[in-house]
Amino acid sequence: MTDTLARTGEHRVPVTSGRDEQAPLTWGQRLQWDDTEWLKPHDHYYNQCRVLLVPDGCGLPELLEFLRVMVIRHESLRTRFPLDADGTPRQRLVADDELAVSVHRDVGPDRDPAAAASELAALLRGRSFDLTREPPLRCAVLEHDGRPSHLVLIISHVAIDHTGIGLLTDELESLLSGRATPPELPPVGRRPFEQAAVEAGATSRRRSAAALDYWAEILRAAPATTFDPPDGTPPPLDDPLRFGQVSMCSPALTRAGRTVADRLGVSGTTVVMAALNAVLGDITGRERVPLKLIASNRGPVELRTMVGITIASCVTLVPTGGRSFAEVVRETGHAALRAYRKVPCDTVLLSALRAEVAEERGVPRVDLACGFNDLRAARPPLGDAGDGEEDGGAPVRPPDPTRITWDGNRPRQEVTLWYWVNEADGVDVHHALVDLWYLPVERTEELLRSVERIVVEAAQEGAPG
């Protein structure tokens, strides 16, 4: 395969479930299906990836058995998505299936198994799935010194979301470590076929209608365009240099965000969203900028343990002009709460609604150019954290300096700005995935620094001194 990897074989693990059925896609599946189809041929960008360390004492036969248990247990891992005659995707299970697991070993002078596993994961993640024919799960085992050292999982985003893959890896790690046996695993959450049936019911349809009414309100009130186009002719969307990502690792923003959140009694997510709303209002000159959000949509108990995809999209429209940051924070919180209460909805009907409102307004489309997603885990209040903060006030030691990096170009996107946050080694990392025609690297760096500046200044204004 490469100078550091060699493929040594493949195992076909039989998976018998007794179910041979078809059903409509769930709303979460259809949302991600549409996004994935739009991104082709770069749809591998959405593939979810996890690399698990295999502990000593777990051999290949045990590992294959644990994978078989997982695939039988969680139907989302073996669901195909064939197309109807009219091109509509459906979810399908087959009674007698199999899981292909490739086996590799690390070679070369250094023989670093962790590096080899990362390389293997990148190779497998870089291939698209043909979801109409193959299952949405790709598995590989890396062997080092004759025994499994790492397990690589690649799963299509149409089948699983961020929370779902976290639940899956938790279960697998408990089996690998011996903390649990298959019968001791927790009860399985709602399955995708069951969720599709729930969404077809009257209660879900009423909720969807209410959500669509909310979307219509936002689409009619939002500016038709968010960013004024630069002079000249833009490169095609498929130009490999059109989109890219800039990231900012900011200990100062990490601490300041928590300080402001504690002081105002809101979440850290709300603080960052509010700062982004304020910055977007400033750089676009718009009184209100629509901001697309991703909702986990796991409120019902049955969905909290579902290894699958439940996500939904929603949108906020927050006025920022002439308001203090504290006011923007509060309005952002109220708007987000209202938006989250209006999910989910039928994705196909939402697409039709967006086209209908655009025609009504006499524009090609209402430009929902900006999006936000927060992948950080919830944190305790500063007073409980023991990390050098005093009562949510100013830090008692200076934070490390902010680092901004260019992450490289990205495939085409449907938005001009996708702002997302995750955590690395206890520090928040803010990412701006942008259309470089509208937001060149220098302007994107300034956007990130402006978010940081607004939150840090807000934290300092309330600090004792």
Foldseek 3Di string as FASTA:
>chain_A
DDQWKDWDWKDKAKAAQQDWDKFAFFLQLVVQVVQLVVQPPQSLVQKDKDKAFQDPPQFPVNLSVLVSLLCNQAVLQFWAWAADPVRHTMTTDDRIGIAMEIEMETDDDPRDQVVVSVVVLVVVSRHDDNRNPGGQWYWYFYDYPHGTTMIMIIGHQSWADPLLVVLVVVVSVCSSVVVDDSVPDDHAFDHRRRSSVVCPDPVVQVLQVQLLVVVLVCLLPAAQDQADFDPDDQDDLQPQFQWFKKKKWDQLLLLLLLLVCVVLVHFSVLLLVLLLQQLSCVVRVDQWAKAKEKDQQQPDPRRNRRNTGDIAIWIFIFGDPPDASSVSSVRSVVRVVVRNSSDDHRPVVSVVSQCVVCVVVVHNGRANAHYEYEPEDGDDRPVPPPPQDDPSADGPDDDDDMDMDTPHTDRGDSHQWYWYWYDDPRTIMIMIIGRCSRQPPVNVVVSVVSSSVSSSVVRHVPHDD
